[in-house]
Amino acid sequence: MFQGTRASKTNTDFWTALKPRVRELRRDATPAEQRLWSALRGKRLGVKFRRQHPINRYVVDFYCVEAALAIEVDGSVHETRAEEDANRQSYIEENNVRFLRFRNEDVLNRLPYVIETVQRALQYKVTP
């Protein structure tokens, strides 16, 4: 169905450094992240998603290896990090990972729209 990417693997050194941060991010998930995780977990959309998944030196909120799809949920902190977020997204996309970005408000107030957007993205095969 989908093809994985080289970006789905994280260098051992990066993983060792990121592991405590990943655990902290999972433990301290925002309400929007918790709500979206409830909709994605357990193959509810037909594929497995991981949360707070490292891709090289970056950590994405949700990642589906099978579909090479990263999902970010942006809160107000991202308003001041637009350039950093754009660079991060470009790096991830250069590694054949598709990227969806949603605002907290959309996840909390328009979850059916968010899920529909994710489902549409899952329909398309990634070309290596």
Protein backbone atom coordinates (compact mmCIF):
# COMPACT_ATOMS: atom_id res chain seq x y z
CA MET A 1 0.00 0.00 0.00
CA PHE A 2 2.37 2.75 1.20
CA GLN A 3 6.13 2.76 1.19
CA GLY A 4 8.16 3.74 4.23
CA THR A 5 10.93 6.31 4.06
CA ARG A 6 14.41 6.65 5.32
CA ALA A 7 13.17 9.47 7.53
CA SER A 8 11.17 7.03 9.65
CA LYS A 9 14.38 5.84 11.26
CA THR A 10 16.27 8.01 13.71
CA ASN A 11 20.01 7.79 14.22
CA THR A 12 20.84 5.99 17.48
CA ASP A 13 22.73 9.01 18.85
CA PHE A 14 19.82 11.33 18.14
CA TRP A 15 17.39 8.84 19.69
CA THR A 16 19.46 8.59 22.86
CA ALA A 17 19.43 12.38 23.15
CA LEU A 18 15.75 12.76 22.21
CA LYS A 19 14.28 9.91 24.27
CA PRO A 20 13.77 11.89 27.51
CA ARG A 21 12.23 14.79 25.56
CA VAL A 22 9.90 12.45 23.66
CA ARG A 23 8.70 10.92 26.93
CA GLU A 24 8.13 14.39 28.38
CA LEU A 25 6.15 15.49 25.30
CA ARG A 26 3.97 12.37 25.50
CA ARG A 27 3.32 12.91 29.20
CA ASP A 28 2.57 16.64 28.80
CA ALA A 29 0.37 16.48 25.68
CA THR A 30 -1.89 19.46 25.07
CA PRO A 31 -5.67 18.97 25.14
CA ALA A 32 -5.71 19.21 21.33
CA GLU A 33 -2.97 16.57 21.01
CA GLN A 34 -4.84 14.31 23.43
CA ARG A 35 -8.06 14.70 21.44
CA LEU A 36 -6.41 13.95 18.10
CA TRP A 37 -4.50 11.01 19.59
CA SER A 38 -7.82 9.54 20.75
CA ALA A 39 -9.03 9.68 17.15
CA LEU A 40 -5.82 8.24 15.62
CA ARG A 41 -4.70 5.56 18.09
CA GLY A 42 -5.35 1.87 17.70
CA LYS A 43 -5.50 1.95 13.89
CA ARG A 44 -8.83 3.78 14.03
CA LEU A 45 -8.13 5.14 10.55
CA GLY A 46 -6.81 1.83 9.25
CA VAL A 47 -3.11 2.54 9.83
CA LYS A 48 -0.91 2.83 12.90
CA PHE A 49 0.09 6.27 14.12
CA ARG A 50 2.84 6.98 16.61
CA ARG A 51 2.81 10.03 18.83
CA GLN A 52 5.77 12.30 19.51
CA HIS A 53 7.82 10.39 16.97
CA PRO A 54 11.41 11.45 16.20
CA ILE A 55 12.44 11.96 12.59
CA ASN A 56 16.18 12.45 12.71
CA ARG A 57 16.70 15.42 15.05
CA TYR A 58 13.08 16.56 15.01
CA VAL A 59 10.02 15.25 16.85
CA VAL A 60 6.61 15.36 15.16
CA ASP A 61 3.35 15.17 17.11
CA PHE A 62 2.02 12.17 15.13
CA TYR A 63 3.59 9.97 12.49
CA CYS A 64 2.38 7.10 10.34
CA VAL A 65 5.34 5.09 9.05
CA GLU A 66 3.20 3.14 6.60
CA ALA A 67 1.89 6.31 4.92
CA ALA A 68 4.98 8.47 5.53
CA LEU A 69 2.68 11.10 6.99
CA ALA A 70 3.56 13.53 9.78
CA ILE A 71 0.93 15.57 11.60
CA GLU A 72 1.57 18.64 13.72
CA VAL A 73 -0.89 20.34 16.05
CA ASP A 74 0.07 23.98 16.51
CA GLY A 75 -0.78 26.08 19.51
CA SER A 76 -0.05 29.74 20.15
CA VAL A 77 3.67 29.06 20.71
CA HIS A 78 4.00 28.37 16.99
CA GLU A 79 2.96 31.93 16.13
CA THR A 80 6.43 33.11 17.12
CA ARG A 81 8.29 30.18 15.51
CA ALA A 82 7.06 30.39 11.91
CA GLU A 83 10.52 30.36 10.32
CA GLU A 84 11.78 27.54 12.54
CA ASP A 85 8.63 25.51 11.84
CA ALA A 86 8.98 26.11 8.09
CA ASN A 87 12.62 24.94 8.13
CA ARG A 88 11.70 21.87 10.15
CA GLN A 89 8.81 21.02 7.84
CA SER A 90 11.00 21.49 4.74
CA TYR A 91 13.63 19.14 6.14
CA ILE A 92 11.03 16.48 6.90
CA GLU A 93 9.36 16.84 3.50
CA GLU A 94 12.76 16.56 1.77
CA ASN A 95 12.91 13.08 3.30
CA ASN A 96 9.75 11.96 1.48
CA VAL A 97 7.42 12.56 4.41
CA ARG A 98 4.15 14.35 3.77
CA PHE A 99 3.18 16.91 6.36
CA LEU A 100 -0.17 18.09 7.70
CA ARG A 101 -0.46 20.98 10.10
CA PHE A 102 -3.55 21.83 12.15
CA ARG A 103 -4.24 24.56 14.68
CA ASN A 104 -5.33 23.59 18.21
CA GLU A 105 -8.66 25.31 17.58
CA ASP A 106 -9.34 23.12 14.54
CA VAL A 107 -8.65 19.91 16.46
CA LEU A 108 -10.76 21.01 19.41
CA ASN A 109 -13.66 22.56 17.48
CA ARG A 110 -13.62 20.90 14.05
CA LEU A 111 -12.36 17.37 14.67
CA PRO A 112 -14.46 15.79 11.87
CA TYR A 113 -12.79 18.17 9.38
CA VAL A 114 -9.33 17.27 10.73
CA ILE A 115 -10.03 13.53 10.53
CA GLU A 116 -11.43 13.88 7.00
CA THR A 117 -8.26 15.74 5.94
CA VAL A 118 -6.07 13.01 7.43
CA GLN A 119 -8.13 10.30 5.72
CA ARG A 120 -7.74 12.04 2.36
CA ALA A 121 -3.98 12.24 2.87
CA LEU A 122 -3.85 8.53 3.69
CA GLN A 123 -5.39 7.69 0.31
CA TYR A 124 -2.34 8.80 -1.66
CA LYS A 125 0.77 6.70 -2.07
CA VAL A 126 4.17 8.23 -1.41
CA THR A 127 6.69 8.02 -4.22
CA PRO A 128 10.25 7.44 -3.04
